[in-house]
mmCIF file of all heavy atoms, coordinates in Angstrom:
data_MODEL
# 
_entry.id   MODEL 
# 
loop_
_atom_site.group_PDB 
_atom_site.id 
_atom_site.type_symbol 
_atom_site.label_atom_id 
_atom_site.label_alt_id 
_atom_site.label_comp_id 
_atom_site.label_asym_id 
_atom_site.label_entity_id 
_atom_site.label_seq_id 
_atom_site.pdbx_PDB_ins_code 
_atom_site.Cartn_x 
_atom_site.Cartn_y 
_atom_site.Cartn_z 
_atom_site.occupancy 
_atom_site.B_iso_or_equiv 
_atom_site.pdbx_formal_charge 
_atom_site.auth_seq_id 
_atom_site.auth_comp_id 
_atom_site.auth_asym_id 
_atom_site.auth_atom_id 
_atom_site.pdbx_PDB_model_num 
ATOM 1   N N   . MET A 1 1  ? 0.851  -1.185 -0.001 1.00 0.00 ? 1  MET A N   1 
ATOM 2   C CA  . MET A 1 1  ? 0.030  0.007  0.045  1.00 0.00 ? 1  MET A CA  1 
ATOM 3   C C   . MET A 1 1  ? 0.899  1.254  0.016  1.00 0.00 ? 1  MET A C   1 
ATOM 4   O O   . MET A 1 1  ? 1.840  1.350  0.763  1.00 0.00 ? 1  MET A O   1 
ATOM 5   C CB  . MET A 1 1  ? -0.887 0.015  1.233  1.00 0.00 ? 1  MET A CB  1 
ATOM 6   C CG  . MET A 1 1  ? -1.872 1.115  1.289  1.00 0.00 ? 1  MET A CG  1 
ATOM 7   S SD  . MET A 1 1  ? -3.155 0.834  2.488  1.00 0.00 ? 1  MET A SD  1 
ATOM 8   C CE  . MET A 1 1  ? -2.880 2.172  3.604  1.00 0.00 ? 1  MET A CE  1 
ATOM 9   N N   . ASP A 1 2  ? 0.565  2.165  -0.912 1.00 0.00 ? 2  ASP A N   1 
ATOM 10  C CA  . ASP A 1 2  ? 1.320  3.431  -0.940 1.00 0.00 ? 2  ASP A CA  1 
ATOM 11  C C   . ASP A 1 2  ? 0.983  4.288  0.209  1.00 0.00 ? 2  ASP A C   1 
ATOM 12  O O   . ASP A 1 2  ? -0.205 4.398  0.618  1.00 0.00 ? 2  ASP A O   1 
ATOM 13  C CB  . ASP A 1 2  ? 1.055  4.146  -2.239 1.00 0.00 ? 2  ASP A CB  1 
ATOM 14  C CG  . ASP A 1 2  ? 1.681  3.464  -3.448 1.00 0.00 ? 2  ASP A CG  1 
ATOM 15  O OD1 . ASP A 1 2  ? 2.674  2.791  -3.288 1.00 0.00 ? 2  ASP A OD1 1 
ATOM 16  O OD2 . ASP A 1 2  ? 1.098  3.671  -4.550 1.00 0.00 ? 2  ASP A OD2 1 
ATOM 17  N N   . ARG A 1 3  ? 1.972  4.984  0.724  1.00 0.00 ? 3  ARG A N   1 
ATOM 18  C CA  . ARG A 1 3  ? 1.763  5.890  1.884  1.00 0.00 ? 3  ARG A CA  1 
ATOM 19  C C   . ARG A 1 3  ? 1.133  7.175  1.341  1.00 0.00 ? 3  ARG A C   1 
ATOM 20  O O   . ARG A 1 3  ? 1.453  7.640  0.300  1.00 0.00 ? 3  ARG A O   1 
ATOM 21  C CB  . ARG A 1 3  ? 3.111  6.236  2.549  1.00 0.00 ? 3  ARG A CB  1 
ATOM 22  C CG  . ARG A 1 3  ? 3.678  4.935  3.210  1.00 0.00 ? 3  ARG A CG  1 
ATOM 23  C CD  . ARG A 1 3  ? 4.974  5.113  3.830  1.00 0.00 ? 3  ARG A CD  1 
ATOM 24  N NE  . ARG A 1 3  ? 5.063  6.337  4.586  1.00 0.00 ? 3  ARG A NE  1 
ATOM 25  C CZ  . ARG A 1 3  ? 6.203  6.862  4.947  1.00 0.00 ? 3  ARG A CZ  1 
ATOM 26  N NH1 . ARG A 1 3  ? 7.330  6.313  4.647  1.00 0.00 ? 3  ARG A NH1 1 
ATOM 27  N NH2 . ARG A 1 3  ? 6.279  7.965  5.698  1.00 0.00 ? 3  ARG A NH2 1 
ATOM 28  N N   . LEU A 1 4  ? 0.178  7.723  2.145  1.00 0.00 ? 4  LEU A N   1 
ATOM 29  C CA  . LEU A 1 4  ? -0.467 8.980  1.708  1.00 0.00 ? 4  LEU A CA  1 
ATOM 30  C C   . LEU A 1 4  ? 0.329  10.230 2.128  1.00 0.00 ? 4  LEU A C   1 
ATOM 31  O O   . LEU A 1 4  ? 0.161  11.264 1.510  1.00 0.00 ? 4  LEU A O   1 
ATOM 32  C CB  . LEU A 1 4  ? -1.846 8.997  2.384  1.00 0.00 ? 4  LEU A CB  1 
ATOM 33  C CG  . LEU A 1 4  ? -2.833 7.918  2.015  1.00 0.00 ? 4  LEU A CG  1 
ATOM 34  C CD1 . LEU A 1 4  ? -4.129 8.043  2.837  1.00 0.00 ? 4  LEU A CD1 1 
ATOM 35  C CD2 . LEU A 1 4  ? -3.134 7.954  0.533  1.00 0.00 ? 4  LEU A CD2 1 
ATOM 36  N N   . LEU A 1 5  ? 1.158  10.138 3.159  1.00 0.00 ? 5  LEU A N   1 
ATOM 37  C CA  . LEU A 1 5  ? 1.948  11.252 3.609  1.00 0.00 ? 5  LEU A CA  1 
ATOM 38  C C   . LEU A 1 5  ? 3.445  10.912 3.500  1.00 0.00 ? 5  LEU A C   1 
ATOM 39  O O   . LEU A 1 5  ? 3.844  9.823  3.908  1.00 0.00 ? 5  LEU A O   1 
ATOM 40  C CB  . LEU A 1 5  ? 1.594  11.626 5.030  1.00 0.00 ? 5  LEU A CB  1 
ATOM 41  C CG  . LEU A 1 5  ? 0.143  12.113 5.254  1.00 0.00 ? 5  LEU A CG  1 
ATOM 42  C CD1 . LEU A 1 5  ? -0.072 12.271 6.757  1.00 0.00 ? 5  LEU A CD1 1 
ATOM 43  C CD2 . LEU A 1 5  ? -0.135 13.322 4.489  1.00 0.00 ? 5  LEU A CD2 1 
ATOM 44  N N   . LEU A 1 6  ? 4.208  11.835 3.014  1.00 0.00 ? 6  LEU A N   1 
ATOM 45  C CA  . LEU A 1 6  ? 5.651  11.584 2.834  1.00 0.00 ? 6  LEU A CA  1 
ATOM 46  C C   . LEU A 1 6  ? 6.470  12.604 3.578  1.00 0.00 ? 6  LEU A C   1 
ATOM 47  O O   . LEU A 1 6  ? 6.028  13.785 3.707  1.00 0.00 ? 6  LEU A O   1 
ATOM 48  C CB  . LEU A 1 6  ? 5.980  11.667 1.358  1.00 0.00 ? 6  LEU A CB  1 
ATOM 49  C CG  . LEU A 1 6  ? 5.202  10.764 0.431  1.00 0.00 ? 6  LEU A CG  1 
ATOM 50  C CD1 . LEU A 1 6  ? 5.411  11.195 -1.042 1.00 0.00 ? 6  LEU A CD1 1 
ATOM 51  C CD2 . LEU A 1 6  ? 5.590  9.330  0.615  1.00 0.00 ? 6  LEU A CD2 1 
ATOM 52  N N   . THR A 1 7  ? 7.639  12.247 3.983  1.00 0.00 ? 7  THR A N   1 
ATOM 53  C CA  . THR A 1 7  ? 8.630  13.173 4.567  1.00 0.00 ? 7  THR A CA  1 
ATOM 54  C C   . THR A 1 7  ? 9.181  14.012 3.448  1.00 0.00 ? 7  THR A C   1 
ATOM 55  O O   . THR A 1 7  ? 9.145  13.603 2.285  1.00 0.00 ? 7  THR A O   1 
ATOM 56  C CB  . THR A 1 7  ? 9.728  12.446 5.310  1.00 0.00 ? 7  THR A CB  1 
ATOM 57  O OG1 . THR A 1 7  ? 10.497 11.735 4.347  1.00 0.00 ? 7  THR A OG1 1 
ATOM 58  C CG2 . THR A 1 7  ? 9.211  11.554 6.416  1.00 0.00 ? 7  THR A CG2 1 
ATOM 59  N N   . PRO A 1 8  ? 9.757  15.177 3.740  1.00 0.00 ? 8  PRO A N   1 
ATOM 60  C CA  . PRO A 1 8  ? 10.424 15.979 2.714  1.00 0.00 ? 8  PRO A CA  1 
ATOM 61  C C   . PRO A 1 8  ? 11.486 15.156 1.980  1.00 0.00 ? 8  PRO A C   1 
ATOM 62  O O   . PRO A 1 8  ? 11.673 15.256 0.764  1.00 0.00 ? 8  PRO A O   1 
ATOM 63  C CB  . PRO A 1 8  ? 11.011 17.138 3.437  1.00 0.00 ? 8  PRO A CB  1 
ATOM 64  C CG  . PRO A 1 8  ? 9.988  17.322 4.538  1.00 0.00 ? 8  PRO A CG  1 
ATOM 65  C CD  . PRO A 1 8  ? 9.644  15.935 5.034  1.00 0.00 ? 8  PRO A CD  1 
ATOM 66  N N   . GLY A 1 9  ? 12.252 14.332 2.724  1.00 0.00 ? 9  GLY A N   1 
ATOM 67  C CA  . GLY A 1 9  ? 13.329 13.497 2.120  1.00 0.00 ? 9  GLY A CA  1 
ATOM 68  C C   . GLY A 1 9  ? 12.716 12.443 1.139  1.00 0.00 ? 9  GLY A C   1 
ATOM 69  O O   . GLY A 1 9  ? 13.237 12.271 0.058  1.00 0.00 ? 9  GLY A O   1 
ATOM 70  N N   . GLU A 1 10 ? 11.598 11.894 1.541  1.00 0.00 ? 10 GLU A N   1 
ATOM 71  C CA  . GLU A 1 10 ? 10.903 10.902 0.615  1.00 0.00 ? 10 GLU A CA  1 
ATOM 72  C C   . GLU A 1 10 ? 10.392 11.597 -0.618 1.00 0.00 ? 10 GLU A C   1 
ATOM 73  O O   . GLU A 1 10 ? 10.488 11.082 -1.748 1.00 0.00 ? 10 GLU A O   1 
ATOM 74  C CB  . GLU A 1 10 ? 9.767  10.193 1.345  1.00 0.00 ? 10 GLU A CB  1 
ATOM 75  C CG  . GLU A 1 10 ? 10.316 9.274  2.426  1.00 0.00 ? 10 GLU A CG  1 
ATOM 76  C CD  . GLU A 1 10 ? 9.223  8.779  3.345  1.00 0.00 ? 10 GLU A CD  1 
ATOM 77  O OE1 . GLU A 1 10 ? 8.145  9.418  3.508  1.00 0.00 ? 10 GLU A OE1 1 
ATOM 78  O OE2 . GLU A 1 10 ? 9.427  7.747  4.002  1.00 0.00 ? 10 GLU A OE2 1 
ATOM 79  N N   . ALA A 1 11 ? 9.850  12.790 -0.428 1.00 0.00 ? 11 ALA A N   1 
ATOM 80  C CA  . ALA A 1 11 ? 9.316  13.523 -1.601 1.00 0.00 ? 11 ALA A CA  1 
ATOM 81  C C   . ALA A 1 11 ? 10.469 13.971 -2.541 1.00 0.00 ? 11 ALA A C   1 
ATOM 82  O O   . ALA A 1 11 ? 10.271 13.827 -3.749 1.00 0.00 ? 11 ALA A O   1 
ATOM 83  C CB  . ALA A 1 11 ? 8.569  14.773 -1.051 1.00 0.00 ? 11 ALA A CB  1 
ATOM 84  N N   . ALA A 1 12 ? 11.552 14.377 -1.942 1.00 0.00 ? 12 ALA A N   1 
ATOM 85  C CA  . ALA A 1 12 ? 12.684 14.693 -2.748 1.00 0.00 ? 12 ALA A CA  1 
ATOM 86  C C   . ALA A 1 12 ? 13.165 13.540 -3.539 1.00 0.00 ? 12 ALA A C   1 
ATOM 87  O O   . ALA A 1 12 ? 13.493 13.677 -4.769 1.00 0.00 ? 12 ALA A O   1 
ATOM 88  C CB  . ALA A 1 12 ? 13.854 15.179 -1.871 1.00 0.00 ? 12 ALA A CB  1 
ATOM 89  N N   . GLN A 1 13 ? 13.236 12.374 -2.992 1.00 0.00 ? 13 GLN A N   1 
ATOM 90  C CA  . GLN A 1 13 ? 13.675 11.185 -3.666 1.00 0.00 ? 13 GLN A CA  1 
ATOM 91  C C   . GLN A 1 13 ? 12.715 10.826 -4.818 1.00 0.00 ? 13 GLN A C   1 
ATOM 92  O O   . GLN A 1 13 ? 13.109 10.458 -5.859 1.00 0.00 ? 13 GLN A O   1 
ATOM 93  C CB  . GLN A 1 13 ? 13.809 10.062 -2.697 1.00 0.00 ? 13 GLN A CB  1 
ATOM 94  C CG  . GLN A 1 13 ? 14.367 8.797  -3.321 1.00 0.00 ? 13 GLN A CG  1 
ATOM 95  C CD  . GLN A 1 13 ? 14.647 7.700  -2.304 1.00 0.00 ? 13 GLN A CD  1 
ATOM 96  O OE1 . GLN A 1 13 ? 14.114 7.728  -1.172 1.00 0.00 ? 13 GLN A OE1 1 
ATOM 97  N NE2 . GLN A 1 13 ? 15.376 6.677  -2.646 1.00 0.00 ? 13 GLN A NE2 1 
ATOM 98  N N   . LEU A 1 14 ? 11.395 10.869 -4.558 1.00 0.00 ? 14 LEU A N   1 
ATOM 99  C CA  . LEU A 1 14 ? 10.417 10.549 -5.586 1.00 0.00 ? 14 LEU A CA  1 
ATOM 100 C C   . LEU A 1 14 ? 10.463 11.505 -6.791 1.00 0.00 ? 14 LEU A C   1 
ATOM 101 O O   . LEU A 1 14 ? 10.312 11.124 -7.904 1.00 0.00 ? 14 LEU A O   1 
ATOM 102 C CB  . LEU A 1 14 ? 9.018  10.542 -4.967 1.00 0.00 ? 14 LEU A CB  1 
ATOM 103 C CG  . LEU A 1 14 ? 8.685  9.334  -4.127 1.00 0.00 ? 14 LEU A CG  1 
ATOM 104 C CD1 . LEU A 1 14 ? 7.323  9.519  -3.447 1.00 0.00 ? 14 LEU A CD1 1 
ATOM 105 C CD2 . LEU A 1 14 ? 8.664  8.044  -5.004 1.00 0.00 ? 14 LEU A CD2 1 
ATOM 106 N N   . LEU A 1 15 ? 10.705 12.789 -6.437 1.00 0.00 ? 15 LEU A N   1 
ATOM 107 C CA  . LEU A 1 15 ? 10.719 13.809 -7.508 1.00 0.00 ? 15 LEU A CA  1 
ATOM 108 C C   . LEU A 1 15 ? 12.107 13.910 -8.175 1.00 0.00 ? 15 LEU A C   1 
ATOM 109 O O   . LEU A 1 15 ? 12.238 14.566 -9.194 1.00 0.00 ? 15 LEU A O   1 
ATOM 110 C CB  . LEU A 1 15 ? 10.283 15.175 -6.920 1.00 0.00 ? 15 LEU A CB  1 
ATOM 111 C CG  . LEU A 1 15 ? 8.870  15.333 -6.544 1.00 0.00 ? 15 LEU A CG  1 
ATOM 112 C CD1 . LEU A 1 15 ? 8.586  16.656 -5.885 1.00 0.00 ? 15 LEU A CD1 1 
ATOM 113 C CD2 . LEU A 1 15 ? 7.907  15.086 -7.739 1.00 0.00 ? 15 LEU A CD2 1 
ATOM 114 N N   . GLY A 1 16 ? 13.082 13.379 -7.514 1.00 0.00 ? 16 GLY A N   1 
ATOM 115 C CA  . GLY A 1 16 ? 14.484 13.448 -8.119 1.00 0.00 ? 16 GLY A CA  1 
ATOM 116 C C   . GLY A 1 16 ? 15.043 14.871 -7.850 1.00 0.00 ? 16 GLY A C   1 
ATOM 117 O O   . GLY A 1 16 ? 15.830 15.345 -8.658 1.00 0.00 ? 16 GLY A O   1 
ATOM 118 N N   . LEU A 1 17 ? 14.641 15.451 -6.819 1.00 0.00 ? 17 LEU A N   1 
ATOM 119 C CA  . LEU A 1 17 ? 15.121 16.841 -6.413 1.00 0.00 ? 17 LEU A CA  1 
ATOM 120 C C   . LEU A 1 17 ? 15.862 16.741 -5.082 1.00 0.00 ? 17 LEU A C   1 
ATOM 121 O O   . LEU A 1 17 ? 15.779 15.768 -4.384 1.00 0.00 ? 17 LEU A O   1 
ATOM 122 C CB  . LEU A 1 17 ? 13.981 17.752 -6.248 1.00 0.00 ? 17 LEU A CB  1 
ATOM 123 C CG  . LEU A 1 17 ? 13.055 17.961 -7.506 1.00 0.00 ? 17 LEU A CG  1 
ATOM 124 C CD1 . LEU A 1 17 ? 11.822 18.711 -7.212 1.00 0.00 ? 17 LEU A CD1 1 
ATOM 125 C CD2 . LEU A 1 17 ? 13.821 18.596 -8.659 1.00 0.00 ? 17 LEU A CD2 1 
ATOM 126 N N   . SER A 1 18 ? 16.579 17.817 -4.777 1.00 0.00 ? 18 SER A N   1 
ATOM 127 C CA  . SER A 1 18 ? 17.308 17.833 -3.470 1.00 0.00 ? 18 SER A CA  1 
ATOM 128 C C   . SER A 1 18 ? 16.283 18.112 -2.383 1.00 0.00 ? 18 SER A C   1 
ATOM 129 O O   . SER A 1 18 ? 15.282 18.739 -2.559 1.00 0.00 ? 18 SER A O   1 
ATOM 130 C CB  . SER A 1 18 ? 18.390 18.881 -3.468 1.00 0.00 ? 18 SER A CB  1 
ATOM 131 O OG  . SER A 1 18 ? 17.837 20.153 -3.486 1.00 0.00 ? 18 SER A OG  1 
ATOM 132 N N   . LYS A 1 19 ? 16.705 17.633 -1.176 1.00 0.00 ? 19 LYS A N   1 
ATOM 133 C CA  . LYS A 1 19 ? 15.849 17.874 -0.020 1.00 0.00 ? 19 LYS A CA  1 
ATOM 134 C C   . LYS A 1 19 ? 15.766 19.432 0.350  1.00 0.00 ? 19 LYS A C   1 
ATOM 135 O O   . LYS A 1 19 ? 14.728 19.893 0.689  1.00 0.00 ? 19 LYS A O   1 
ATOM 136 C CB  . LYS A 1 19 ? 16.382 17.106 1.188  1.00 0.00 ? 19 LYS A CB  1 
ATOM 137 C CG  . LYS A 1 19 ? 15.385 16.991 2.329  1.00 0.00 ? 19 LYS A CG  1 
ATOM 138 C CD  . LYS A 1 19 ? 15.813 15.824 3.237  1.00 0.00 ? 19 LYS A CD  1 
ATOM 139 C CE  . LYS A 1 19 ? 16.495 16.349 4.457  1.00 0.00 ? 19 LYS A CE  1 
ATOM 140 N NZ  . LYS A 1 19 ? 16.738 15.263 5.460  1.00 0.00 ? 19 LYS A NZ  1 
ATOM 141 N N   . SER A 1 20 ? 16.848 20.085 0.121  1.00 0.00 ? 20 SER A N   1 
ATOM 142 C CA  . SER A 1 20 ? 16.850 21.524 0.385  1.00 0.00 ? 20 SER A CA  1 
ATOM 143 C C   . SER A 1 20 ? 15.924 22.266 -0.582 1.00 0.00 ? 20 SER A C   1 
ATOM 144 O O   . SER A 1 20 ? 15.246 23.243 -0.170 1.00 0.00 ? 20 SER A O   1 
ATOM 145 C CB  . SER A 1 20 ? 18.262 22.125 0.298  1.00 0.00 ? 20 SER A CB  1 
ATOM 146 O OG  . SER A 1 20 ? 18.799 21.982 -0.993 1.00 0.00 ? 20 SER A OG  1 
ATOM 147 N N   . TYR A 1 21 ? 15.837 21.815 -1.863 1.00 0.00 ? 21 TYR A N   1 
ATOM 148 C CA  . TYR A 1 21 ? 14.902 22.441 -2.764 1.00 0.00 ? 21 TYR A CA  1 
ATOM 149 C C   . TYR A 1 21 ? 13.442 22.175 -2.371 1.00 0.00 ? 21 TYR A C   1 
ATOM 150 O O   . TYR A 1 21 ? 12.618 22.995 -2.541 1.00 0.00 ? 21 TYR A O   1 
ATOM 151 C CB  . TYR A 1 21 ? 15.127 21.957 -4.217 1.00 0.00 ? 21 TYR A CB  1 
ATOM 152 C CG  . TYR A 1 21 ? 14.372 22.726 -5.225 1.00 0.00 ? 21 TYR A CG  1 
ATOM 153 C CD1 . TYR A 1 21 ? 14.532 24.097 -5.420 1.00 0.00 ? 21 TYR A CD1 1 
ATOM 154 C CD2 . TYR A 1 21 ? 13.408 22.078 -5.938 1.00 0.00 ? 21 TYR A CD2 1 
ATOM 155 C CE1 . TYR A 1 21 ? 13.815 24.811 -6.315 1.00 0.00 ? 21 TYR A CE1 1 
ATOM 156 C CE2 . TYR A 1 21 ? 12.662 22.766 -6.906 1.00 0.00 ? 21 TYR A CE2 1 
ATOM 157 C CZ  . TYR A 1 21 ? 12.849 24.158 -7.052 1.00 0.00 ? 21 TYR A CZ  1 
ATOM 158 O OH  . TYR A 1 21 ? 12.062 24.857 -7.972 1.00 0.00 ? 21 TYR A OH  1 
ATOM 159 N N   . ILE A 1 22 ? 13.185 20.961 -1.856 1.00 0.00 ? 22 ILE A N   1 
ATOM 160 C CA  . ILE A 1 22 ? 11.823 20.631 -1.368 1.00 0.00 ? 22 ILE A CA  1 
ATOM 161 C C   . ILE A 1 22 ? 11.485 21.608 -0.251 1.00 0.00 ? 22 ILE A C   1 
ATOM 162 O O   . ILE A 1 22 ? 10.376 22.097 -0.197 1.00 0.00 ? 22 ILE A O   1 
ATOM 163 C CB  . ILE A 1 22 ? 11.781 19.182 -0.872 1.00 0.00 ? 22 ILE A CB  1 
ATOM 164 C CG1 . ILE A 1 22 ? 11.890 18.236 -2.102 1.00 0.00 ? 22 ILE A CG1 1 
ATOM 165 C CG2 . ILE A 1 22 ? 10.448 18.873 -0.140 1.00 0.00 ? 22 ILE A CG2 1 
ATOM 166 C CD1 . ILE A 1 22 ? 10.791 18.285 -3.128 1.00 0.00 ? 22 ILE A CD1 1 
ATOM 167 N N   . TYR A 1 23 ? 12.422 21.845 0.673  1.00 0.00 ? 23 TYR A N   1 
ATOM 168 C CA  . TYR A 1 23 ? 12.191 22.823 1.745  1.00 0.00 ? 23 TYR A CA  1 
ATOM 169 C C   . TYR A 1 23 ? 11.928 24.220 1.233  1.00 0.00 ? 23 TYR A C   1 
ATOM 170 O O   . TYR A 1 23 ? 11.081 24.945 1.763  1.00 0.00 ? 23 TYR A O   1 
ATOM 171 C CB  . TYR A 1 23 ? 13.268 22.781 2.753  1.00 0.00 ? 23 TYR A CB  1 
ATOM 172 C CG  . TYR A 1 23 ? 13.160 21.645 3.760  1.00 0.00 ? 23 TYR A CG  1 
ATOM 173 C CD1 . TYR A 1 23 ? 14.023 20.576 3.684  1.00 0.00 ? 23 TYR A CD1 1 
ATOM 174 C CD2 . TYR A 1 23 ? 12.157 21.599 4.698  1.00 0.00 ? 23 TYR A CD2 1 
ATOM 175 C CE1 . TYR A 1 23 ? 13.869 19.458 4.596  1.00 0.00 ? 23 TYR A CE1 1 
ATOM 176 C CE2 . TYR A 1 23 ? 12.003 20.589 5.568  1.00 0.00 ? 23 TYR A CE2 1 
ATOM 177 C CZ  . TYR A 1 23 ? 12.871 19.521 5.534  1.00 0.00 ? 23 TYR A CZ  1 
ATOM 178 O OH  . TYR A 1 23 ? 12.740 18.498 6.426  1.00 0.00 ? 23 TYR A OH  1 
ATOM 179 N N   . GLU A 1 24 ? 12.582 24.621 0.136  1.00 0.00 ? 24 GLU A N   1 
ATOM 180 C CA  . GLU A 1 24 ? 12.356 25.928 -0.482 1.00 0.00 ? 24 GLU A CA  1 
ATOM 181 C C   . GLU A 1 24 ? 10.896 25.954 -1.055 1.00 0.00 ? 24 GLU A C   1 
ATOM 182 O O   . GLU A 1 24 ? 10.206 26.998 -0.906 1.00 0.00 ? 24 GLU A O   1 
ATOM 183 C CB  . GLU A 1 24 ? 13.301 26.151 -1.625 1.00 0.00 ? 24 GLU A CB  1 
ATOM 184 C CG  . GLU A 1 24 ? 14.705 26.480 -1.201 1.00 0.00 ? 24 GLU A CG  1 
ATOM 185 C CD  . GLU A 1 24 ? 15.640 26.688 -2.339 1.00 0.00 ? 24 GLU A CD  1 
ATOM 186 O OE1 . GLU A 1 24 ? 15.213 27.161 -3.449 1.00 0.00 ? 24 GLU A OE1 1 
ATOM 187 O OE2 . GLU A 1 24 ? 16.846 26.386 -2.184 1.00 0.00 ? 24 GLU A OE2 1 
ATOM 188 N N   . LEU A 1 25 ? 10.489 24.904 -1.687 1.00 0.00 ? 25 LEU A N   1 
ATOM 189 C CA  . LEU A 1 25 ? 9.138  24.797 -2.276 1.00 0.00 ? 25 LEU A CA  1 
ATOM 190 C C   . LEU A 1 25 ? 8.069  24.882 -1.146 1.00 0.00 ? 25 LEU A C   1 
ATOM 191 O O   . LEU A 1 25 ? 7.043  25.468 -1.265 1.00 0.00 ? 25 LEU A O   1 
ATOM 192 C CB  . LEU A 1 25 ? 8.943  23.523 -3.051 1.00 0.00 ? 25 LEU A CB  1 
ATOM 193 C CG  . LEU A 1 25 ? 9.761  23.405 -4.327 1.00 0.00 ? 25 LEU A CG  1 
ATOM 194 C CD1 . LEU A 1 25 ? 9.582  22.025 -4.979 1.00 0.00 ? 25 LEU A CD1 1 
ATOM 195 C CD2 . LEU A 1 25 ? 9.333  24.477 -5.335 1.00 0.00 ? 25 LEU A CD2 1 
ATOM 196 N N   . LEU A 1 26 ? 8.427  24.209 -0.011 1.00 0.00 ? 26 LEU A N   1 
ATOM 197 C CA  . LEU A 1 26 ? 7.515  24.225 1.135  1.00 0.00 ? 26 LEU A CA  1 
ATOM 198 C C   . LEU A 1 26 ? 7.394  25.642 1.734  1.00 0.00 ? 26 LEU A C   1 
ATOM 199 O O   . LEU A 1 26 ? 6.317  26.081 2.096  1.00 0.00 ? 26 LEU A O   1 
ATOM 200 C CB  . LEU A 1 26 ? 7.933  23.218 2.228  1.00 0.00 ? 26 LEU A CB  1 
ATOM 201 C CG  . LEU A 1 26 ? 7.851  21.737 1.802  1.00 0.00 ? 26 LEU A CG  1 
ATOM 202 C CD1 . LEU A 1 26 ? 8.529  20.892 2.892  1.00 0.00 ? 26 LEU A CD1 1 
ATOM 203 C CD2 . LEU A 1 26 ? 6.423  21.275 1.577  1.00 0.00 ? 26 LEU A CD2 1 
ATOM 204 N N   . ALA A 1 27 ? 8.525  26.304 1.847  1.00 0.00 ? 27 ALA A N   1 
ATOM 205 C CA  . ALA A 1 27 ? 8.569  27.651 2.430  1.00 0.00 ? 27 ALA A CA  1 
ATOM 206 C C   . ALA A 1 27 ? 7.821  28.661 1.571  1.00 0.00 ? 27 ALA A C   1 
ATOM 207 O O   . ALA A 1 27 ? 7.117  29.563 2.091  1.00 0.00 ? 27 ALA A O   1 
ATOM 208 C CB  . ALA A 1 27 ? 9.971  28.087 2.610  1.00 0.00 ? 27 ALA A CB  1 
ATOM 209 N N   . SER A 1 28 ? 7.906  28.457 0.244  1.00 0.00 ? 28 SER A N   1 
ATOM 210 C CA  . SER A 1 28 ? 7.201  29.377 -0.684 1.00 0.00 ? 28 SER A CA  1 
ATOM 211 C C   . SER A 1 28 ? 5.723  28.956 -0.877 1.00 0.00 ? 28 SER A C   1 
ATOM 212 O O   . SER A 1 28 ? 4.959  29.627 -1.559 1.00 0.00 ? 28 SER A O   1 
ATOM 213 C CB  . SER A 1 28 ? 7.865  29.390 -2.007 1.00 0.00 ? 28 SER A CB  1 
ATOM 214 O OG  . SER A 1 28 ? 7.749  28.165 -2.656 1.00 0.00 ? 28 SER A OG  1 
# 
């Protein structure tokens, strides 16, 4: 079963982006 909620690190890995860029997207 796929998880409904992801950590920023997991989201970064799935999108192929850096974790710091994910945090920038979250901040904005």
